[in-house]
């Protein structure tokens, strides 16, 4: 892989790059070989842009304001859908 990247003038950082075994059978395979638990990793964490987040919060606040005269359980149910959708997308 390093050779392929070098052809494009790219390189891998030696301290940040490693091969790890993952998947359903990784723990069993490593145990069979006498190795410890598989390493973990975070892959391409998604972060929201601040401006986009503020705009969405302003929009949700406006919609909540229009729902102000609904009952609290109705407002809560709607807000739960919004928050659940946000975290499912995230």
Foldseek 3Di string as FASTA:
>chain_A
DQVVQVVVPHGDDVVVDDDWDDDDCRQVVCVVVVHHGTDDDDDPDDDDDPVVVVVVVVVVVVVLVVCVPPDPVVSVVVVVVVVVVVVVVD
